[in-house]
Protein backbone atom coordinates (compact mmCIF):
# COMPACT_ATOMS: atom_id res chain seq x y z
CA MET A 1 -1.29 17.10 18.43
CA ASN A 2 -4.05 19.60 18.08
CA TYR A 3 -7.43 19.46 19.82
CA LYS A 4 -9.16 17.65 16.94
CA GLU A 5 -6.49 14.93 16.80
CA ILE A 6 -6.65 14.42 20.57
CA SER A 7 -10.45 14.27 20.43
CA ASN A 8 -10.27 11.64 17.67
CA LYS A 9 -7.75 9.59 19.66
CA LEU A 10 -10.02 9.67 22.72
CA LYS A 11 -12.98 8.49 20.61
CA GLU A 12 -10.84 5.64 19.28
CA ILE A 13 -9.91 4.64 22.83
CA ASN A 14 -13.58 4.64 23.86
CA ASN A 15 -14.46 2.47 20.85
CA GLU A 16 -11.63 0.09 21.68
CA GLU A 17 -12.96 -0.26 25.23
CA ILE A 18 -16.35 -1.26 23.83
CA ILE A 19 -14.62 -3.80 21.60
CA TRP A 20 -12.81 -5.24 24.64
CA VAL A 21 -16.22 -5.83 26.27
CA ILE A 22 -17.36 -7.53 23.06
CA TYR A 23 -14.24 -9.72 23.14
CA ILE A 24 -15.03 -10.71 26.74
CA GLY A 25 -18.51 -11.75 25.58
CA ILE A 26 -16.96 -13.74 22.74
CA ILE A 27 -14.62 -15.49 25.16
CA ILE A 28 -17.57 -16.48 27.35
CA LEU A 29 -19.48 -17.73 24.29
CA SER A 30 -16.38 -19.65 23.16
CA TYR A 31 -16.08 -21.32 26.55
CA TYR A 32 -19.75 -22.33 26.42
CA SER A 33 -19.43 -23.56 22.82
CA ASN A 34 -16.50 -25.78 23.86
CA ASP A 35 -18.77 -27.42 26.42
CA LEU A 36 -21.41 -28.00 23.73
CA GLU A 37 -18.82 -29.41 21.35
CA ARG A 38 -17.59 -31.77 24.07
CA LYS A 39 -21.17 -32.97 24.73
CA TYR A 40 -21.64 -33.65 21.04
CA PHE A 41 -18.47 -35.71 20.70
CA ILE A 42 -18.97 -37.65 23.93
CA ASN A 43 -22.75 -38.20 23.78
CA LYS A 44 -23.47 -37.69 20.07
CA ASP A 45 -25.99 -35.04 21.19
CA LEU A 46 -27.19 -33.47 17.94
CA ASN A 47 -28.87 -30.61 19.80
CA SER A 48 -25.51 -29.64 21.33
CA LYS A 49 -23.91 -29.85 17.89
CA GLU A 50 -26.44 -27.43 16.37
CA LYS A 51 -26.17 -25.01 19.29
CA TYR A 52 -22.39 -25.16 18.96
CA ARG A 53 -22.55 -24.39 15.24
CA SER A 54 -24.97 -21.50 15.81
CA ILE A 55 -22.75 -19.99 18.48
CA MET A 56 -19.65 -20.34 16.30
CA ILE A 57 -21.41 -18.64 13.40
CA LEU A 58 -22.51 -15.84 15.74
CA ILE A 59 -18.98 -15.46 17.14
CA PHE A 60 -17.37 -15.17 13.73
CA LEU A 61 -20.10 -12.88 12.44
CA ILE A 62 -19.44 -10.53 15.35
CA LEU A 63 -15.70 -10.78 14.74
CA VAL A 64 -16.10 -9.94 11.04
CA ILE A 65 -18.03 -6.82 12.07
CA VAL A 66 -15.31 -5.85 14.58
CA TYR A 67 -12.58 -6.56 12.02
CA PHE A 68 -14.45 -4.42 9.49
CA TYR A 69 -14.47 -1.58 12.02
CA PHE A 70 -10.69 -1.85 12.35
CA LEU A 71 -10.31 -2.04 8.57
CA SER A 72 -12.42 1.09 8.13
CA ASP A 73 -10.44 2.86 10.83
CA SER A 74 -7.16 1.91 9.13
CA TYR A 75 -8.48 3.13 5.80
CA SER A 76 -9.46 6.43 7.43
CA GLY A 77 -5.89 6.68 8.68
CA ILE A 78 -4.65 6.42 5.09
CA LYS A 79 -7.09 9.07 3.90
CA GLU A 80 -5.98 11.42 6.69
CA LEU A 81 -2.29 11.22 5.78
CA LYS A 82 -0.83 14.54 4.82
CA ILE A 83 1.77 15.13 2.16
CA ASN A 84 4.19 16.40 4.81
CA ASP A 85 3.84 13.35 7.10
CA ASN A 86 7.17 11.58 7.53
CA SER A 87 7.88 8.31 5.74
CA LYS A 88 7.81 6.28 8.96
CA LYS A 89 4.26 7.41 9.76
CA ARG A 90 3.18 6.75 6.17
CA ASN A 91 4.72 3.26 6.13
CA LEU A 92 3.23 2.30 9.50
CA THR A 93 -0.19 3.59 8.47
CA TYR A 94 -0.12 1.53 5.26
CA LEU A 95 1.13 -1.54 7.15
CA SER A 96 -1.69 -1.13 9.67
CA PHE A 97 -4.17 -1.09 6.79
CA VAL A 98 -2.68 -4.22 5.21
CA ALA A 99 -2.73 -6.04 8.56
CA SER A 100 -6.35 -5.01 9.16
CA LEU A 101 -7.29 -6.15 5.66
CA LEU A 102 -5.68 -9.56 6.19
CA ILE A 103 -7.38 -10.01 9.57
CA PHE A 104 -10.72 -9.06 8.00
CA ILE A 105 -10.18 -11.61 5.23
CA SER A 106 -9.28 -14.28 7.79
CA GLY A 107 -12.49 -13.48 9.70
CA ILE A 108 -14.54 -13.99 6.53
CA ILE A 109 -12.77 -17.30 5.88
CA PHE A 110 -13.42 -18.51 9.45
CA LEU A 111 -17.06 -17.45 9.17
CA TYR A 112 -17.36 -19.39 5.92
CA ILE A 113 -15.84 -22.48 7.57
CA ALA A 114 -18.21 -22.16 10.55
CA ILE A 115 -21.20 -22.05 8.19
CA GLU A 116 -20.06 -24.84 5.87
CA ASP A 117 -18.55 -27.32 8.36
CA GLU A 118 -21.73 -29.20 9.28
CA ASP A 119 -19.81 -32.27 10.47
CA LEU A 120 -17.41 -30.36 12.76
CA ASN A 121 -14.35 -31.56 10.88
CA VAL A 122 -12.36 -28.36 11.48
CA GLU A 123 -11.49 -27.03 14.92
CA LEU A 124 -12.32 -23.34 14.99
CA ALA A 125 -11.07 -21.06 17.69
CA PHE A 126 -11.44 -17.35 18.35
CA ASN A 127 -8.01 -15.90 17.55
C-alpha cells in the first residue's frame, strides 16, 4: 500500500469509529423505545405510543443515512478499481457494493414501515 491508500484506510477507520458511537446512541434509543412500547401496550398510553413511533422513525432515518454512507463508500471502491487488480479483489469489491445496496434498501423499507405502521402491528428492531 502506498501513502495515499494508507491515509484513506485510516480515514475510513475514523469514520467507522464515529458510526460505532452512533450505533451506541441507537441502541440506547432502542432500549428507551422498548420501554415506551411496553407502556403503550400495558396502559394504552397514547403519548407513549407517539413517542415510540417518533423514536423509531428517527432511528431508521439515522440508519438510512449510515447505510447510505456505506453504500457510497462501496461505490467509491468500485470506481477505484484498477484494470490490473486481481479477480478476487474485484469480486469482493462488487459483492461489498451489492451487500451495501441491499442493506440500504432494507433500511428504506424499515423506515417506511416505521412511518406507516400507526397501530404498531409490526415489531421493528434495529438490526
